[in-house]
C-alpha atoms as a PDB file:
ATOM      1  CA  LEU A   1       0.007   0.013  -0.010  1.00  0.00           C
ATOM      2  CA  ARG A   2       2.824   2.420   0.863  1.00  0.00           C
ATOM      3  CA  ALA A   3       4.503   1.792  -2.511  1.00  0.00           C
ATOM      4  CA  THR A   4       1.213   2.307  -4.312  1.00  0.00           C
ATOM      5  CA  LEU A   5       0.531   5.567  -2.517  1.00  0.00           C
ATOM      6  CA  GLY A   6       4.054   6.791  -3.156  1.00  0.00           C
ATOM      7  CA  GLU A   7       3.638   6.218  -6.888  1.00  0.00           C
ATOM      8  CA  VAL A   8       0.131   7.535  -7.339  1.00  0.00           C
ATOM      9  CA  VAL A   9      -0.571  10.283  -4.779  1.00  0.00           C
ATOM     10  CA  PRO A  10       2.112  12.891  -5.707  1.00  0.00           C
ATOM     11  CA  GLY A  11       0.841  13.060  -9.270  1.00  0.00           C
ATOM     12  CA  MET A  12      -2.733  13.339  -8.085  1.00  0.00           C
ATOM     13  CA  VAL A  13      -1.789  16.285  -5.845  1.00  0.00           C
ATOM     14  CA  ARG A  14      -0.064  18.060  -8.746  1.00  0.00           C
ATOM     15  CA  GLY A  15      -3.095  17.335 -10.884  1.00  0.00           C
ATOM     16  CA  MET A  16      -5.432  18.897  -8.347  1.00  0.00           C
ATOM     17  CA  VAL A  17      -3.357  22.062  -8.159  1.00  0.00           C
ATOM     18  CA  ALA A  18      -3.304  22.321 -11.960  1.00  0.00           C
ATOM     19  CA  GLY A  19      -6.983  21.588 -12.260  1.00  0.00           C
ATOM     20  CA  VAL A  20      -8.050  24.201  -9.706  1.00  0.00           C
ATOM     21  CA  ALA A  21      -5.730  26.785 -11.266  1.00  0.00           C
ATOM     22  CA  ALA A  22      -7.253  26.180 -14.692  1.00  0.00           C
ATOM     23  CA  GLU A  23     -10.749  26.824 -13.312  1.00  0.00           C
ATOM     24  CA  ALA A  24      -9.861  29.884 -11.227  1.00  0.00           C
ATOM     25  CA  GLU A  25     -12.191  32.117 -13.240  1.00  0.00           C
ATOM     26  CA  ALA A  26     -15.195  29.930 -12.459  1.00  0.00           C
ATOM     27  CA  VAL A  27     -14.237  29.883  -8.777  1.00  0.00           C
ATOM     28  CA  ARG A  28     -14.159  33.711  -8.666  1.00  0.00           C
ATOM     29  CA  HIS A  29     -17.181  34.621 -10.803  1.00  0.00           C
ATOM     30  CA  GLY A  30     -19.184  31.506 -11.770  1.00  0.00           C
ATOM     31  CA  ASP A  31     -22.719  30.726 -10.671  1.00  0.00           C
ATOM     32  CA  GLY A  32     -23.761  27.377  -9.214  1.00  0.00           C
ATOM     33  CA  SER A  33     -23.962  25.516 -12.506  1.00  0.00           C
ATOM     34  CA  ALA A  34     -20.696  26.970 -13.815  1.00  0.00           C
ATOM     35  CA  VAL A  35     -18.849  26.088 -10.634  1.00  0.00           C
ATOM     36  CA  ALA A  36     -20.253  22.529 -10.670  1.00  0.00           C
ATOM     37  CA  ARG A  37     -19.032  21.991 -14.245  1.00  0.00           C
ATOM     38  CA  ALA A  38     -15.683  23.615 -13.381  1.00  0.00           C
ATOM     39  CA  ALA A  39     -15.345  21.187 -10.428  1.00  0.00           C
ATOM     40  CA  GLN A  40     -15.820  18.250 -12.783  1.00  0.00           C
ATOM     41  CA  ARG A  41     -13.128  19.581 -15.116  1.00  0.00           C
ATOM     42  CA  ALA A  42     -10.813  20.411 -12.204  1.00  0.00           C
ATOM     43  CA  VAL A  43     -10.675  16.835 -10.939  1.00  0.00           C
ATOM     44  CA  GLN A  44      -9.958  15.393 -14.374  1.00  0.00           C
ATOM     45  CA  PRO A  45      -6.178  15.867 -14.011  1.00  0.00           C
ATOM     46  CA  VAL A  46      -6.404  13.998 -10.721  1.00  0.00           C
ATOM     47  CA  GLY A  47      -7.978  11.031 -12.441  1.00  0.00           C
ATOM     48  CA  ALA A  48      -5.410  11.208 -15.248  1.00  0.00           C
ATOM     49  CA  ALA A  49      -2.574  11.176 -12.707  1.00  0.00           C
ATOM     50  CA  PHE A  50      -4.171   8.182 -11.026  1.00  0.00           C
ATOM     51  CA  ILE A  51      -4.185   6.281 -14.322  1.00  0.00           C
ATOM     52  CA  GLN A  52      -0.581   7.223 -15.082  1.00  0.00           C
ATOM     53  CA  GLY A  53       0.501   6.227 -11.604  1.00  0.00           C
ATOM     54  CA  ALA A  54      -1.153   2.838 -11.939  1.00  0.00           C
ATOM     55  CA  TRP A  55       0.529   2.416 -15.331  1.00  0.00           C
ATOM     56  CA  ARG A  56       3.981   3.071 -13.874  1.00  0.00           C
ATOM     57  CA  PHE A  57       3.294   1.006 -10.746  1.00  0.00           C
ATOM     58  CA  GLN A  58       2.431  -2.047 -12.900  1.00  0.00           C
ATOM     59  CA  GLY A  59       5.779  -1.639 -14.674  1.00  0.00           C
ATOM     60  CA  HIS A  60       4.422  -0.758 -18.136  1.00  0.00           C
ATOM     61  CA  ALA A  61       6.582   2.403 -18.425  1.00  0.00           C
ATOM     62  CA  ALA A  62       9.885   0.425 -18.194  1.00  0.00           C
ATOM     63  CA  PRO A  63      11.365  -1.646 -21.049  1.00  0.00           C
ATOM     64  CA  LEU A  64      11.113  -5.402 -20.722  1.00  0.00           C
ATOM     65  CA  PRO A  65      14.191  -7.556 -19.995  1.00  0.00           C
ATOM     66  CA  PRO A  66      15.671  -9.099 -23.204  1.00  0.00           C
ATOM     67  CA  GLU A  67      14.327 -12.541 -22.393  1.00  0.00           C
ATOM     68  CA  GLN A  68      10.755 -11.185 -21.973  1.00  0.00           C
ATOM     69  CA  ARG A  69      10.583  -9.130 -25.180  1.00  0.00           C
ATOM     70  CA  PRO A  70       7.754 -10.086 -27.521  1.00  0.00           C
ATOM     71  CA  CYS A  71       8.134 -12.460 -30.415  1.00  0.00           C
ATOM     72  CA  CYS A  72       7.073 -11.570 -33.923  1.00  0.00           C
ATOM     73  CA  ALA A  73       3.692 -13.030 -34.800  1.00  0.00           C
ATOM     74  CA  SER A  74       4.866 -13.790 -38.371  1.00  0.00           C
ATOM     75  CA  CYS A  75       8.324 -15.325 -38.009  1.00  0.00           C
ATOM     76  CA  GLY A  76       8.427 -16.051 -34.274  1.00  0.00           C
ATOM     77  CA  ARG A  77      11.756 -14.302 -33.702  1.00  0.00           C
ATOM     78  CA  ARG A  78      12.429 -12.121 -30.656  1.00  0.00           C
ATOM     79  CA  MET A  79      11.695  -8.456 -31.427  1.00  0.00           C
ATOM     80  CA  LYS A  80      14.211  -5.662 -30.979  1.00  0.00           C
ATOM     81  CA  LEU A  81      13.709  -2.670 -28.665  1.00  0.00           C
ATOM     82  CA  VAL A  82      13.641   0.479 -30.774  1.00  0.00           C
ATOM     83  CA  ARG A  83      12.141   3.038 -28.349  1.00  0.00           C
ATOM     84  CA  GLU A  84      12.451   2.858 -24.600  1.00  0.00           C
ATOM     85  CA  HIS A  85       9.994   5.673 -23.915  1.00  0.00           C
ATOM     86  CA  GLN A  86       7.368   6.307 -26.620  1.00  0.00           C
ATOM     87  CA  SER A  87       4.441   8.507 -25.719  1.00  0.00           C
ATOM     88  CA  ARG A  88       0.836   7.423 -26.297  1.00  0.00           C
ATOM     89  CA  HIS A  89      -1.718  10.202 -26.016  1.00  0.00           C
ATOM     90  CA  LEU A  90      -5.184   9.064 -24.998  1.00  0.00           C
ATOM     91  CA  LEU A  91      -8.506  10.610 -24.081  1.00  0.00           C
ATOM     92  CA  GLY A  92     -10.665   9.149 -21.330  1.00  0.00           C
ATOM     93  CA  ARG A  93     -13.487  10.130 -19.022  1.00  0.00           C
ATOM     94  CA  CYS A  94     -10.821  11.940 -16.994  1.00  0.00           C
ATOM     95  CA  GLY A  95      -9.775  13.999 -20.047  1.00  0.00           C
ATOM     96  CA  PRO A  96      -6.450  13.697 -21.911  1.00  0.00           C
ATOM     97  CA  TYR A  97      -3.492  11.871 -20.499  1.00  0.00           C
ATOM     98  CA  THR A  98      -0.222  10.410 -21.747  1.00  0.00           C
ATOM     99  CA  LEU A  99       1.332   6.959 -21.179  1.00  0.00           C
ATOM    100  CA  GLU A 100       5.015   6.230 -21.710  1.00  0.00           C
ATOM    101  CA  ARG A 101       5.903   2.758 -22.881  1.00  0.00           C
ATOM    102  CA  SER A 102       8.522   0.845 -24.848  1.00  0.00           C
ATOM    103  CA  TYR A 103       8.086  -0.156 -28.498  1.00  0.00           C
ATOM    104  CA  TYR A 104       9.533  -3.181 -30.302  1.00  0.00           C
ATOM    105  CA  THR A 105       9.894  -4.117 -33.949  1.00  0.00           C
ATOM    106  CA  CYS A 106      10.947  -7.191 -35.959  1.00  0.00           C
ATOM    107  CA  GLY A 107      14.011  -6.518 -38.094  1.00  0.00           C
ATOM    108  CA  ASP A 108      12.991  -9.169 -40.655  1.00  0.00           C
ATOM    109  CA  CYS A 109       9.212  -8.671 -40.996  1.00  0.00           C
ATOM    110  CA  GLY A 110       9.050  -4.961 -40.151  1.00  0.00           C
ATOM    111  CA  GLY A 111       6.094  -5.359 -37.788  1.00  0.00           C
ATOM    112  CA  GLY A 112       5.985  -3.637 -34.426  1.00  0.00           C
ATOM    113  CA  CYS A 113       4.092  -3.706 -31.150  1.00  0.00           C
ATOM    114  CA  SER A 114       3.987  -2.394 -27.576  1.00  0.00           C
ATOM    115  CA  PRO A 115       3.290  -5.193 -25.041  1.00  0.00           C
ATOM    116  CA  ALA A 116       2.055  -2.592 -22.568  1.00  0.00           C
ATOM    117  CA  ASP A 117      -0.715  -1.562 -24.959  1.00  0.00           C
ATOM    118  CA  VAL A 118      -1.753  -5.201 -25.261  1.00  0.00           C
ATOM    119  CA  ALA A 119      -1.740  -5.664 -21.476  1.00  0.00           C
ATOM    120  CA  TRP A 120      -4.223  -2.824 -21.041  1.00  0.00           C
ATOM    121  CA  ALA A 121      -6.216  -3.683 -24.248  1.00  0.00           C
ATOM    122  CA  LEU A 122      -5.691  -0.154 -25.547  1.00  0.00           C
ATOM    123  CA  GLY A 123      -6.129  -1.061 -29.203  1.00  0.00           C
ATOM    124  CA  THR A 124      -5.387   1.586 -31.842  1.00  0.00           C
ATOM    125  CA  SER A 125      -7.923   4.231 -30.941  1.00  0.00           C
ATOM    126  CA  THR A 126      -7.122   7.636 -29.409  1.00  0.00           C
ATOM    127  CA  LEU A 127      -9.880   6.946 -26.869  1.00  0.00           C
ATOM    128  CA  ASP A 128      -9.182   4.611 -23.986  1.00  0.00           C
ATOM    129  CA  PRO A 129     -11.375   1.463 -23.805  1.00  0.00           C
ATOM    130  CA  ASP A 130     -13.563   2.861 -21.003  1.00  0.00           C
ATOM    131  CA  LEU A 131     -14.489   5.994 -22.957  1.00  0.00           C
ATOM    132  CA  GLN A 132     -14.912   3.969 -26.172  1.00  0.00           C
ATOM    133  CA  ALA A 133     -17.614   1.876 -24.492  1.00  0.00           C
ATOM    134  CA  LEU A 134     -19.436   4.972 -23.256  1.00  0.00           C
ATOM    135  CA  VAL A 135     -19.193   6.750 -26.598  1.00  0.00           C
ATOM    136  CA  ALA A 136     -20.417   3.685 -28.527  1.00  0.00           C
ATOM    137  CA  ARG A 137     -23.401   3.276 -26.222  1.00  0.00           C
ATOM    138  CA  ASP A 138     -24.449   6.891 -26.693  1.00  0.00           C
ATOM    139  CA  GLY A 139     -23.697   6.700 -30.407  1.00  0.00           C
ATOM    140  CA  VAL A 140     -26.142   3.818 -30.759  1.00  0.00           C
ATOM    141  CA  ASP A 141     -28.912   5.562 -28.815  1.00  0.00           C
ATOM    142  CA  ARG A 142     -28.815   8.935 -30.583  1.00  0.00           C
ATOM    143  CA  ALA A 143     -27.363  10.903 -33.484  1.00  0.00           C
ATOM    144  CA  PHE A 144     -23.575  11.108 -33.510  1.00  0.00           C
ATOM    145  CA  ASP A 145     -23.436  14.884 -33.074  1.00  0.00           C
ATOM    146  CA  ALA A 146     -25.936  14.755 -30.206  1.00  0.00           C
ATOM    147  CA  ALA A 147     -23.951  11.995 -28.535  1.00  0.00           C
ATOM    148  CA  ALA A 148     -20.795  14.045 -28.760  1.00  0.00           C
ATOM    149  CA  VAL A 149     -22.288  17.257 -27.420  1.00  0.00           C
ATOM    150  CA  ASP A 150     -25.147  16.202 -25.139  1.00  0.00           C
ATOM    151  CA  ALA A 151     -24.015  12.893 -23.691  1.00  0.00           C
ATOM    152  CA  VAL A 152     -20.253  12.913 -23.601  1.00  0.00           C
ATOM    153  CA  GLY A 153     -19.682  16.639 -23.526  1.00  0.00           C
ATOM    154  CA  ALA A 154     -22.346  17.611 -21.023  1.00  0.00           C
ATOM    155  CA  HIS A 155     -22.113  14.588 -18.748  1.00  0.00           C
ATOM    156  CA  LEU A 156     -18.358  13.983 -18.706  1.00  0.00           C
ATOM    157  CA  GLN A 157     -17.037  17.469 -19.672  1.00  0.00           C
ATOM    158  CA  VAL A 158     -14.931  15.777 -22.385  1.00  0.00           C
ATOM    159  CA  ARG A 159     -14.908  17.305 -25.823  1.00  0.00           C
ATOM    160  CA  LEU A 160     -15.391  15.053 -28.860  1.00  0.00           C
ATOM    161  CA  ASP A 161     -16.470  15.615 -32.427  1.00  0.00           C
ATOM    162  CA  ASP A 162     -19.182  13.645 -34.147  1.00  0.00           C
ATOM    163  CA  ASN A 163     -16.699  11.977 -36.475  1.00  0.00           C
ATOM    164  CA  THR A 164     -14.928  10.397 -33.499  1.00  0.00           C
ATOM    165  CA  VAL A 165     -18.292   9.165 -32.163  1.00  0.00           C
ATOM    166  CA  HIS A 166     -19.093   7.743 -35.579  1.00  0.00           C
ATOM    167  CA  ARG A 167     -15.791   5.909 -35.952  1.00  0.00           C
ATOM    168  CA  THR A 168     -15.938   4.522 -32.424  1.00  0.00           C
ATOM    169  CA  THR A 169     -19.545   3.334 -32.681  1.00  0.00           C
ATOM    170  CA  VAL A 170     -19.078   1.709 -36.122  1.00  0.00           C
ATOM    171  CA  GLY A 171     -15.789   0.139 -35.063  1.00  0.00           C
ATOM    172  CA  ILE A 172     -17.226  -1.481 -31.915  1.00  0.00           C
ATOM    173  CA  GLY A 173     -20.292  -2.478 -33.883  1.00  0.00           C
ATOM    174  CA  LEU A 174     -18.167  -4.319 -36.447  1.00  0.00           C
ATOM    175  CA  VAL A 175     -16.358  -6.180 -33.642  1.00  0.00           C
ATOM    176  CA  ALA A 176     -19.701  -7.140 -32.103  1.00  0.00           C
ATOM    177  CA  LEU A 177     -20.975  -8.302 -35.489  1.00  0.00           C
ATOM    178  CA  ALA A 178     -17.904 -10.472 -36.039  1.00  0.00           C
ATOM    179  CA  GLN A 179     -18.265 -12.015 -32.602  1.00  0.00           C
ATOM    180  CA  SER A 180     -21.938 -12.684 -33.168  1.00  0.00           C
ATOM    181  CA  ALA A 181     -21.233 -14.358 -36.511  1.00  0.00           C
ATOM    182  CA  ALA A 182     -18.489 -16.524 -34.900  1.00  0.00           C
ATOM    183  CA  ARG A 183     -20.864 -17.637 -32.136  1.00  0.00           C
ATOM    184  CA  ALA A 184     -23.560 -18.434 -34.692  1.00  0.00           C
ATOM    185  CA  ALA A 185     -21.113 -20.428 -36.760  1.00  0.00           C
ATOM    186  CA  ALA A 186     -19.876 -22.350 -33.755  1.00  0.00           C
ATOM    187  CA  GLY A 187     -23.436 -23.227 -32.735  1.00  0.00           C
ATOM    188  CA  THR A 188     -24.531 -24.448 -36.143  1.00  0.00           C
ATOM    189  CA  CYS A 189     -25.043 -28.151 -36.514  1.00  0.00           C
ATOM    190  CA  ARG A 190     -26.356 -30.311 -39.339  1.00  0.00           C
ATOM    191  CA  LEU A 191     -29.810 -31.769 -39.055  1.00  0.00           C
ATOM    192  CA  GLY A 192     -30.180 -35.492 -39.021  1.00  0.00           C
ATOM    193  CA  PRO A 193     -32.152 -37.422 -41.647  1.00  0.00           C
ATOM    194  CA  ASP A 194     -35.840 -36.585 -41.929  1.00  0.00           C
ATOM    195  CA  PRO A 195     -37.711 -38.981 -39.643  1.00  0.00           C
ATOM    196  CA  GLY A 196     -40.756 -38.719 -41.861  1.00  0.00           C
ATOM    197  CA  SER A 197     -43.098 -37.484 -39.185  1.00  0.00           C
ATOM    198  CA  ASP A 198     -46.348 -35.766 -40.116  1.00  0.00           C
ATOM    199  CA  THR A 199     -46.046 -33.384 -37.140  1.00  0.00           C
ATOM    200  CA  LEU A 200     -44.333 -30.020 -37.532  1.00  0.00           C
ATOM    201  CA  VAL A 201     -43.489 -28.019 -34.385  1.00  0.00           C
ATOM    202  CA  LEU A 202     -43.094 -24.227 -34.549  1.00  0.00           C
ATOM    203  CA  GLU A 203     -41.984 -21.815 -31.857  1.00  0.00           C
ATOM    204  CA  VAL A 204     -42.703 -18.073 -32.109  1.00  0.00           C
ATOM    205  CA  ASP A 205     -41.057 -15.298 -30.146  1.00  0.00           C
ATOM    206  CA  GLY A 206     -41.626 -11.557 -30.291  1.00  0.00           C
ATOM    207  CA  GLY A 207     -39.767  -8.394 -29.518  1.00  0.00           C
ATOM    208  CA  ARG A 208     -40.681  -4.679 -29.517  1.00  0.00           C
ATOM    209  CA  VAL A 209     -39.403  -2.584 -32.407  1.00  0.00           C
ATOM    210  CA  GLU A 210     -39.720   1.178 -32.722  1.00  0.00           C
ATOM    211  CA  ALA A 211     -41.575   2.056 -35.944  1.00  0.00           C
ATOM    212  CA  GLY A 212     -41.781   5.818 -36.345  1.00  0.00           C
ATOM    213  CA  ARG A 213     -43.761   7.168 -33.394  1.00  0.00           C
ATOM    214  CA  GLU A 214     -45.045   3.848 -32.151  1.00  0.00           C
ATOM    215  CA  TRP A 215     -43.789   0.477 -30.995  1.00  0.00           C
ATOM    216  CA  ARG A 216     -44.746  -2.721 -32.798  1.00  0.00           C
ATOM    217  CA  GLU A 217     -44.018  -6.343 -32.104  1.00  0.00           C
ATOM    218  CA  ALA A 218     -41.747  -8.183 -34.502  1.00  0.00           C
ATOM    219  CA  LYS A 219     -42.181 -11.967 -34.409  1.00  0.00           C
ATOM    220  CA  VAL A 220     -39.508 -14.503 -35.228  1.00  0.00           C
ATOM    221  CA  ALA A 221     -40.328 -18.127 -36.006  1.00  0.00           C
END
């Protein structure tokens, strides 16, 4: 616990000072709503420092020992360290933050990777996985521009454009579609020979579907 606090708390204190200083105008002259929104923005650097501290505490900011470096997915050879400290800029519900990690490449195949990114499932987006999930959920429920301004902007005090919401929602939707197709394929089995029975059994289920200004029931047999 002492080691964790020593890694995380100093950055959080610096973040709080920076956050309050950035919202000094709202503290001096803002009304209740403005101060409440400023408070939400002011604590964002604290959350970002918490994330960065956890990242360092887990050892992701330091290069891996030679025997633990990743192997190339194509040729299987051990990759070479090319950058000890490469910055990755991300945006989360706590606002923007930066993670430092090492990067490795294969001299033969030319591919590269960062094991730390894989450990935290960061993917290739500029949004962290937590914010991606929130953005995709709001992007499904409403128009992309409304999701960016009303949902993410107003609720989290994080600025996004509608193109980012669109890319994130469609990207996660494609992953979900692929997973659904894989599950369907895995659960498919061939029917046995026709037993020749004269009895046919049907099962019907229904679900509500929004059709314009009303809800109707769609049945699936």
